[in-house]
Amino acid sequence: MKLRVDLLPHGNYPDVVLVIDALRATTTAVAYLERGAQALLLTSTPEVALALRGTRENLLLAGERGGLPIPGFDFGNSPAEAGTQNFAGKTVVMNTTNGTGAAHVAAQSGKHVLLAALTNAHAAARRARALASEGIAIVCAGTDGRVGLEDVYTAGVLAEYLLAMGDFTLDDGARIALTVRRGGGDPAEALSGSDHGLHLATLGLAEDVQLAAGLSTSTVVPTLERGEDVPEGTLRFVAG
């Protein structure tokens, strides 16, 4: 079984893909489903998200640009904010600077696409191993086209868990991620010291970084659900 880590999204993936945007899209996605959302619709652009408003009942928009909420959306991209809400029966439409785009790249070729973060790392690794027959790719969203320490560190955590479940042939990306994980300190240190973690702190969002560093605090794994009823330009994820 091959284990691949892409430090940025590339495509041409095996049957199972784990998408990471630890700060903060995949962490927040987990929080929405934990708080009762029946589904997440990850859109290709903010405009696609805004066009969905009013087309269905119980639909909320959530997203960010530059770390801040998108004008006209109901929520930002904050696990702290999501954790205070009740989303039972709601569908949350998400669009973010990096994470939702990475999910769209993964869905072009990956058969099974899962959203992973530190908060659901154990559960996501177990789910990926159970689904995989060809190989597993861990895809880091990065930040504005640049590699993000927080995502590579999280990829290293996932790789460690997967290696504990069986033998894998590692590519260079996986070896890099494992090296970063082993030398990166504890999760809070790695995330808060990353460029994006420091940026979020300047925006007053340090609590989000702290929550995102919680290791395996959730068993929810957002899982891509394909179907003809999914609106164009969106990906539907449900709790898996």
C-alpha atoms as a PDB file:
ATOM      1  CA  MET A   1       0.000   0.000   0.000  1.00  0.00           C
ATOM      2  CA  LYS A   2       1.385   3.394  -0.989  1.00  0.00           C
ATOM      3  CA  LEU A   3       1.159   6.468   1.238  1.00  0.00           C
ATOM      4  CA  ARG A   4       1.620   9.814  -0.464  1.00  0.00           C
ATOM      5  CA  VAL A   5       1.660  13.316   1.001  1.00  0.00           C
ATOM      6  CA  ASP A   6       1.253  16.330  -1.277  1.00  0.00           C
ATOM      7  CA  LEU A   7       2.527  19.480   0.391  1.00  0.00           C
ATOM      8  CA  LEU A   8       0.183  21.364  -1.959  1.00  0.00           C
ATOM      9  CA  PRO A   9      -2.726  20.009  -4.052  1.00  0.00           C
ATOM     10  CA  HIS A  10      -1.686  18.410  -7.357  1.00  0.00           C
ATOM     11  CA  GLY A  11      -4.289  15.857  -8.478  1.00  0.00           C
ATOM     12  CA  ASN A  12      -4.134  12.369 -10.015  1.00  0.00           C
ATOM     13  CA  TYR A  13      -4.955  10.726  -6.705  1.00  0.00           C
ATOM     14  CA  PRO A  14      -5.415   7.095  -5.623  1.00  0.00           C
ATOM     15  CA  ASP A  15      -8.715   5.747  -4.350  1.00  0.00           C
ATOM     16  CA  VAL A  16      -8.579   7.449  -0.914  1.00  0.00           C
ATOM     17  CA  VAL A  17      -7.686  11.102  -0.332  1.00  0.00           C
ATOM     18  CA  LEU A  18      -7.439  12.909   3.003  1.00  0.00           C
ATOM     19  CA  VAL A  19      -7.674  16.701   2.578  1.00  0.00           C
ATOM     20  CA  ILE A  20      -6.156  18.890   5.297  1.00  0.00           C
ATOM     21  CA  ASP A  21      -6.675  22.591   5.982  1.00  0.00           C
ATOM     22  CA  ALA A  22      -5.997  22.565   9.712  1.00  0.00           C
ATOM     23  CA  LEU A  23      -6.267  26.362   9.983  1.00  0.00           C
ATOM     24  CA  ARG A  24      -9.145  26.258   9.550  1.00  0.00           C
ATOM     25  CA  ALA A  25     -11.525  24.830   6.952  1.00  0.00           C
ATOM     26  CA  THR A  26     -11.339  21.123   7.716  1.00  0.00           C
ATOM     27  CA  THR A  27     -11.313  21.769  11.466  1.00  0.00           C
ATOM     28  CA  THR A  28     -14.422  23.937  11.124  1.00  0.00           C
ATOM     29  CA  ALA A  29     -16.093  21.379   8.843  1.00  0.00           C
ATOM     30  CA  VAL A  30     -15.724  18.778  11.583  1.00  0.00           C
ATOM     31  CA  ALA A  31     -17.218  21.232  14.083  1.00  0.00           C
ATOM     32  CA  TYR A  32     -20.276  21.926  11.893  1.00  0.00           C
ATOM     33  CA  LEU A  33     -21.080  18.235  11.587  1.00  0.00           C
ATOM     34  CA  GLU A  34     -20.426  17.677  15.291  1.00  0.00           C
ATOM     35  CA  ARG A  35     -22.948  20.394  16.070  1.00  0.00           C
ATOM     36  CA  GLY A  36     -25.662  18.662  14.052  1.00  0.00           C
ATOM     37  CA  ALA A  37     -25.354  19.889  10.459  1.00  0.00           C
ATOM     38  CA  GLN A  38     -26.915  17.309   8.152  1.00  0.00           C
ATOM     39  CA  ALA A  39     -24.505  18.108   5.317  1.00  0.00           C
ATOM     40  CA  LEU A  40     -21.795  20.477   4.105  1.00  0.00           C
ATOM     41  CA  LEU A  41     -21.738  21.870   0.576  1.00  0.00           C
ATOM     42  CA  LEU A  42     -18.214  22.994  -0.337  1.00  0.00           C
ATOM     43  CA  THR A  43     -18.420  25.414  -3.256  1.00  0.00           C
ATOM     44  CA  SER A  44     -15.895  26.281  -5.938  1.00  0.00           C
ATOM     45  CA  THR A  45     -16.358  30.044  -5.463  1.00  0.00           C
ATOM     46  CA  PRO A  46     -18.109  32.453  -3.079  1.00  0.00           C
ATOM     47  CA  GLU A  47     -20.471  33.351  -5.932  1.00  0.00           C
ATOM     48  CA  VAL A  48     -21.676  29.759  -6.176  1.00  0.00           C
ATOM     49  CA  ALA A  49     -22.383  29.829  -2.443  1.00  0.00           C
ATOM     50  CA  LEU A  50     -24.309  33.110  -2.629  1.00  0.00           C
ATOM     51  CA  ALA A  51     -26.354  31.817  -5.579  1.00  0.00           C
ATOM     52  CA  LEU A  52     -27.569  28.928  -3.426  1.00  0.00           C
ATOM     53  CA  ARG A  53     -29.121  31.226  -0.834  1.00  0.00           C
ATOM     54  CA  GLY A  54     -32.882  30.863  -0.895  1.00  0.00           C
ATOM     55  CA  THR A  55     -32.848  27.771  -3.125  1.00  0.00           C
ATOM     56  CA  ARG A  56     -33.350  25.404  -0.191  1.00  0.00           C
ATOM     57  CA  GLU A  57     -34.706  25.567   3.316  1.00  0.00           C
ATOM     58  CA  ASN A  58     -32.399  25.497   6.334  1.00  0.00           C
ATOM     59  CA  LEU A  59     -29.334  26.552   4.373  1.00  0.00           C
ATOM     60  CA  LEU A  60     -26.548  28.678   5.901  1.00  0.00           C
ATOM     61  CA  LEU A  61     -23.451  30.203   4.293  1.00  0.00           C
ATOM     62  CA  ALA A  62     -20.042  30.063   5.972  1.00  0.00           C
ATOM     63  CA  GLY A  63     -16.634  31.115   4.731  1.00  0.00           C
ATOM     64  CA  GLU A  64     -13.726  33.508   4.751  1.00  0.00           C
ATOM     65  CA  ARG A  65     -11.226  35.461   2.736  1.00  0.00           C
ATOM     66  CA  GLY A  66      -7.950  36.448   4.366  1.00  0.00           C
ATOM     67  CA  GLY A  67      -9.195  34.888   7.590  1.00  0.00           C
ATOM     68  CA  LEU A  68     -12.240  37.169   7.854  1.00  0.00           C
ATOM     69  CA  PRO A  69     -15.917  36.368   7.174  1.00  0.00           C
ATOM     70  CA  ILE A  70     -17.156  36.914   3.620  1.00  0.00           C
ATOM     71  CA  PRO A  71     -19.695  39.769   3.384  1.00  0.00           C
ATOM     72  CA  GLY A  72     -23.210  38.394   2.992  1.00  0.00           C
ATOM     73  CA  PHE A  73     -22.370  35.063   4.641  1.00  0.00           C
ATOM     74  CA  ASP A  74     -23.955  33.931   7.901  1.00  0.00           C
ATOM     75  CA  PHE A  75     -20.764  32.656   9.513  1.00  0.00           C
ATOM     76  CA  GLY A  76     -17.013  32.837   9.113  1.00  0.00           C
ATOM     77  CA  ASN A  77     -14.640  29.883   9.155  1.00  0.00           C
ATOM     78  CA  SER A  78     -14.241  29.559  12.902  1.00  0.00           C
ATOM     79  CA  PRO A  79     -14.356  26.324  14.912  1.00  0.00           C
ATOM     80  CA  ALA A  80     -14.849  28.416  18.043  1.00  0.00           C
ATOM     81  CA  GLU A  81     -17.897  30.114  16.518  1.00  0.00           C
ATOM     82  CA  ALA A  82     -19.262  26.836  15.159  1.00  0.00           C
ATOM     83  CA  GLY A  83     -18.899  25.165  18.538  1.00  0.00           C
ATOM     84  CA  THR A  84     -21.384  27.563  20.125  1.00  0.00           C
ATOM     85  CA  GLN A  85     -24.160  26.915  17.587  1.00  0.00           C
ATOM     86  CA  ASN A  86     -26.805  24.270  16.976  1.00  0.00           C
ATOM     87  CA  PHE A  87     -26.884  23.272  13.305  1.00  0.00           C
ATOM     88  CA  ALA A  88     -29.362  20.419  13.645  1.00  0.00           C
ATOM     89  CA  GLY A  89     -31.251  19.992  10.382  1.00  0.00           C
ATOM     90  CA  LYS A  90     -29.165  22.637   8.605  1.00  0.00           C
ATOM     91  CA  THR A  91     -27.022  22.402   5.506  1.00  0.00           C
ATOM     92  CA  VAL A  92     -23.906  24.570   5.722  1.00  0.00           C
ATOM     93  CA  VAL A  93     -22.483  25.935   2.479  1.00  0.00           C
ATOM     94  CA  MET A  94     -18.744  26.575   2.826  1.00  0.00           C
ATOM     95  CA  ASN A  95     -16.222  28.503   0.769  1.00  0.00           C
ATOM     96  CA  THR A  96     -12.756  29.344   2.062  1.00  0.00           C
ATOM     97  CA  THR A  97      -9.504  30.717   0.717  1.00  0.00           C
ATOM     98  CA  ASN A  98      -7.680  27.379   0.528  1.00  0.00           C
ATOM     99  CA  GLY A  99      -9.429  24.335   1.975  1.00  0.00           C
ATOM    100  CA  THR A 100     -12.541  24.115  -0.171  1.00  0.00           C
ATOM    101  CA  GLY A 101     -10.460  24.508  -3.318  1.00  0.00           C
ATOM    102  CA  ALA A 102      -8.183  21.663  -2.230  1.00  0.00           C
ATOM    103  CA  ALA A 103     -11.235  19.450  -1.735  1.00  0.00           C
ATOM    104  CA  HIS A 104     -12.384  20.205  -5.296  1.00  0.00           C
ATOM    105  CA  VAL A 105      -8.961  19.228  -6.659  1.00  0.00           C
ATOM    106  CA  ALA A 106      -9.058  15.971  -4.679  1.00  0.00           C
ATOM    107  CA  ALA A 107     -12.574  15.116  -5.861  1.00  0.00           C
ATOM    108  CA  GLN A 108     -11.556  15.246  -9.529  1.00  0.00           C
ATOM    109  CA  SER A 109      -9.727  11.917  -9.263  1.00  0.00           C
ATOM    110  CA  GLY A 110     -10.086  10.511  -5.725  1.00  0.00           C
ATOM    111  CA  LYS A 111     -12.825   7.933  -5.271  1.00  0.00           C
ATOM    112  CA  HIS A 112     -13.150   8.434  -1.512  1.00  0.00           C
ATOM    113  CA  VAL A 113     -12.441  11.971  -0.256  1.00  0.00           C
ATOM    114  CA  LEU A 114     -12.285  12.672   3.477  1.00  0.00           C
ATOM    115  CA  LEU A 115     -11.674  15.917   5.356  1.00  0.00           C
ATOM    116  CA  ALA A 116      -9.005  15.578   8.034  1.00  0.00           C
ATOM    117  CA  ALA A 117      -7.670  17.775  10.804  1.00  0.00           C
ATOM    118  CA  LEU A 118      -5.828  17.254  14.049  1.00  0.00           C
ATOM    119  CA  THR A 119      -9.195  17.204  15.809  1.00  0.00           C
ATOM    120  CA  ASN A 120     -10.334  14.058  13.976  1.00  0.00           C
ATOM    121  CA  ALA A 121      -6.916  12.603  13.094  1.00  0.00           C
ATOM    122  CA  HIS A 122      -7.353   9.148  14.626  1.00  0.00           C
ATOM    123  CA  ALA A 123     -10.822   8.657  13.183  1.00  0.00           C
ATOM    124  CA  ALA A 124      -9.838   9.973   9.742  1.00  0.00           C
ATOM    125  CA  ALA A 125      -6.796   7.670   9.571  1.00  0.00           C
ATOM    126  CA  ARG A 126      -8.872   4.639  10.571  1.00  0.00           C
ATOM    127  CA  ARG A 127     -11.545   5.471   7.999  1.00  0.00           C
ATOM    128  CA  ALA A 128      -8.963   5.980   5.254  1.00  0.00           C
ATOM    129  CA  ARG A 129      -7.249   2.666   6.003  1.00  0.00           C
ATOM    130  CA  ALA A 130     -10.572   0.821   5.963  1.00  0.00           C
ATOM    131  CA  LEU A 131     -11.503   2.260   2.548  1.00  0.00           C
ATOM    132  CA  ALA A 132      -8.154   1.999   0.777  1.00  0.00           C
ATOM    133  CA  SER A 133      -7.366  -0.721  -1.728  1.00  0.00           C
ATOM    134  CA  GLU A 134      -4.846   1.094  -3.959  1.00  0.00           C
ATOM    135  CA  GLY A 135      -3.254   3.725  -1.793  1.00  0.00           C
ATOM    136  CA  ILE A 136      -3.819   6.806   0.359  1.00  0.00           C
ATOM    137  CA  ALA A 137      -2.951  10.401  -0.485  1.00  0.00           C
ATOM    138  CA  ILE A 138      -2.822  13.098   2.178  1.00  0.00           C
ATOM    139  CA  VAL A 139      -3.281  16.517   0.583  1.00  0.00           C
ATOM    140  CA  CYS A 140      -2.225  19.727   2.312  1.00  0.00           C
ATOM    141  CA  ALA A 141      -4.222  22.799   1.271  1.00  0.00           C
ATOM    142  CA  GLY A 142      -1.455  25.279   2.068  1.00  0.00           C
ATOM    143  CA  THR A 143      -2.005  29.022   2.230  1.00  0.00           C
ATOM    144  CA  ASP A 144      -2.293  31.113  -0.924  1.00  0.00           C
ATOM    145  CA  GLY A 145      -0.274  28.634  -2.939  1.00  0.00           C
ATOM    146  CA  ARG A 146       2.475  28.260  -0.343  1.00  0.00           C
ATOM    147  CA  VAL A 147       3.231  25.308   1.904  1.00  0.00           C
ATOM    148  CA  GLY A 148       1.766  25.636   5.417  1.00  0.00           C
ATOM    149  CA  LEU A 149       3.574  24.220   8.446  1.00  0.00           C
ATOM    150  CA  GLU A 150       0.271  23.458  10.186  1.00  0.00           C
ATOM    151  CA  ASP A 151      -0.934  21.247   7.325  1.00  0.00           C
ATOM    152  CA  VAL A 152       2.364  19.394   6.886  1.00  0.00           C
ATOM    153  CA  TYR A 153       2.530  18.759  10.635  1.00  0.00           C
ATOM    154  CA  THR A 154      -1.029  17.405  10.584  1.00  0.00           C
ATOM    155  CA  ALA A 155      -0.137  15.203   7.611  1.00  0.00           C
ATOM    156  CA  GLY A 156       2.706  13.802   9.698  1.00  0.00           C
ATOM    157  CA  VAL A 157       0.308  12.959  12.515  1.00  0.00           C
ATOM    158  CA  LEU A 158      -1.990  11.146  10.089  1.00  0.00           C
ATOM    159  CA  ALA A 159       0.974   9.306   8.564  1.00  0.00           C
ATOM    160  CA  GLU A 160       2.075   8.140  12.007  1.00  0.00           C
ATOM    161  CA  TYR A 161      -1.364   6.736  12.749  1.00  0.00           C
ATOM    162  CA  LEU A 162      -1.548   5.005   9.378  1.00  0.00           C
ATOM    163  CA  LEU A 163       1.884   3.429   9.828  1.00  0.00           C
ATOM    164  CA  ALA A 164       0.723   2.058  13.179  1.00  0.00           C
ATOM    165  CA  MET A 165      -2.034   0.204  11.297  1.00  0.00           C
ATOM    166  CA  GLY A 166       0.155  -1.540   8.726  1.00  0.00           C
ATOM    167  CA  ASP A 167       2.983  -1.329   6.225  1.00  0.00           C
ATOM    168  CA  PHE A 168       3.123   1.451   3.643  1.00  0.00           C
ATOM    169  CA  THR A 169       5.542   2.499   0.957  1.00  0.00           C
ATOM    170  CA  LEU A 170       6.228   6.170   1.624  1.00  0.00           C
ATOM    171  CA  ASP A 171       6.898   8.883  -0.917  1.00  0.00           C
ATOM    172  CA  ASP A 172       9.177  11.839  -0.193  1.00  0.00           C
ATOM    173  CA  GLY A 173       6.222  13.987   0.850  1.00  0.00           C
ATOM    174  CA  ALA A 174       5.255  11.473   3.524  1.00  0.00           C
ATOM    175  CA  ARG A 175       8.839  11.348   4.778  1.00  0.00           C
ATOM    176  CA  ILE A 176       8.955  15.141   4.953  1.00  0.00           C
ATOM    177  CA  ALA A 177       5.658  15.253   6.874  1.00  0.00           C
ATOM    178  CA  LEU A 178       6.875  12.646   9.369  1.00  0.00           C
ATOM    179  CA  THR A 179      10.111  14.590   9.877  1.00  0.00           C
ATOM    180  CA  VAL A 180       8.163  17.799  10.529  1.00  0.00           C
ATOM    181  CA  ARG A 181       5.847  16.010  12.952  1.00  0.00           C
ATOM    182  CA  ARG A 182       8.724  14.466  14.907  1.00  0.00           C
ATOM    183  CA  GLY A 183      10.646  17.720  15.130  1.00  0.00           C
ATOM    184  CA  GLY A 184       7.742  20.132  15.373  1.00  0.00           C
ATOM    185  CA  GLY A 185       6.916  19.938  19.066  1.00  0.00           C
ATOM    186  CA  ASP A 186       3.395  19.475  20.359  1.00  0.00           C
ATOM    187  CA  PRO A 187       0.368  20.387  18.211  1.00  0.00           C
ATOM    188  CA  ALA A 188      -0.276  23.726  19.922  1.00  0.00           C
ATOM    189  CA  GLU A 189       3.327  24.773  19.392  1.00  0.00           C
ATOM    190  CA  ALA A 190       3.328  23.749  15.739  1.00  0.00           C
ATOM    191  CA  LEU A 191       0.068  25.455  14.845  1.00  0.00           C
ATOM    192  CA  SER A 192       0.522  28.642  16.842  1.00  0.00           C
ATOM    193  CA  GLY A 193       4.062  29.066  15.503  1.00  0.00           C
ATOM    194  CA  SER A 194       3.100  28.657  11.857  1.00  0.00           C
ATOM    195  CA  ASP A 195       2.807  31.714   9.627  1.00  0.00           C
ATOM    196  CA  HIS A 196      -0.948  31.279   9.334  1.00  0.00           C
ATOM    197  CA  GLY A 197      -1.338  30.650  13.055  1.00  0.00           C
ATOM    198  CA  LEU A 198       0.485  33.896  13.775  1.00  0.00           C
ATOM    199  CA  HIS A 199      -1.690  35.713  11.220  1.00  0.00           C
ATOM    200  CA  LEU A 200      -4.889  34.450  12.810  1.00  0.00           C
ATOM    201  CA  ALA A 201      -3.656  35.575  16.217  1.00  0.00           C
ATOM    202  CA  THR A 202      -3.257  39.135  14.880  1.00  0.00           C
ATOM    203  CA  LEU A 203      -6.913  38.968  13.811  1.00  0.00           C
ATOM    204  CA  GLY A 204      -7.985  38.007  17.330  1.00  0.00           C
ATOM    205  CA  LEU A 205      -8.586  34.383  16.356  1.00  0.00           C
ATOM    206  CA  ALA A 206      -6.069  32.667  18.623  1.00  0.00           C
ATOM    207  CA  GLU A 207      -8.875  30.578  20.150  1.00  0.00           C
ATOM    208  CA  ASP A 208      -9.449  28.985  16.747  1.00  0.00           C
ATOM    209  CA  VAL A 209      -5.776  28.003  16.599  1.00  0.00           C
ATOM    210  CA  GLN A 210      -5.980  26.525  20.098  1.00  0.00           C
ATOM    211  CA  LEU A 211      -9.070  24.481  19.213  1.00  0.00           C
ATOM    212  CA  ALA A 212      -7.517  23.305  15.946  1.00  0.00           C
ATOM    213  CA  ALA A 213      -4.561  21.918  17.932  1.00  0.00           C
ATOM    214  CA  GLY A 214      -6.788  19.568  19.924  1.00  0.00           C
ATOM    215  CA  LEU A 215      -5.616  16.067  19.020  1.00  0.00           C
ATOM    216  CA  SER A 216      -8.372  13.570  18.194  1.00  0.00           C
ATOM    217  CA  THR A 217     -11.101  15.376  20.093  1.00  0.00           C
ATOM    218  CA  SER A 218     -13.710  14.212  17.539  1.00  0.00           C
ATOM    219  CA  THR A 219     -14.702  10.993  15.804  1.00  0.00           C
ATOM    220  CA  VAL A 220     -16.539  12.800  12.982  1.00  0.00           C
ATOM    221  CA  VAL A 221     -15.003  12.369   9.513  1.00  0.00           C
ATOM    222  CA  PRO A 222     -16.561  14.538   6.774  1.00  0.00           C
ATOM    223  CA  THR A 223     -16.943  12.192   3.801  1.00  0.00           C
ATOM    224  CA  LEU A 224     -17.671  13.075   0.181  1.00  0.00           C
ATOM    225  CA  GLU A 225     -21.095  11.883  -0.951  1.00  0.00           C
ATOM    226  CA  ARG A 226     -21.589  11.934  -4.699  1.00  0.00           C
ATOM    227  CA  GLY A 227     -25.031  12.153  -6.278  1.00  0.00           C
ATOM    228  CA  GLU A 228     -27.081  13.725  -9.023  1.00  0.00           C
ATOM    229  CA  ASP A 229     -28.848  16.055  -6.586  1.00  0.00           C
ATOM    230  CA  VAL A 230     -25.638  17.899  -5.657  1.00  0.00           C
ATOM    231  CA  PRO A 231     -25.761  21.477  -6.998  1.00  0.00           C
ATOM    232  CA  GLU A 232     -23.294  22.336  -9.763  1.00  0.00           C
ATOM    233  CA  GLY A 233     -20.020  23.725  -8.438  1.00  0.00           C
ATOM    234  CA  THR A 234     -20.389  22.061  -5.038  1.00  0.00           C
ATOM    235  CA  LEU A 235     -19.213  18.972  -3.194  1.00  0.00           C
ATOM    236  CA  ARG A 236     -21.489  17.368  -0.611  1.00  0.00           C
ATOM    237  CA  PHE A 237     -19.901  16.060   2.594  1.00  0.00           C
ATOM    238  CA  VAL A 238     -21.681  14.187   5.345  1.00  0.00           C
ATOM    239  CA  ALA A 239     -20.554  12.736   8.656  1.00  0.00           C
ATOM    240  CA  GLY A 240     -18.809   9.412   8.137  1.00  0.00           C
END
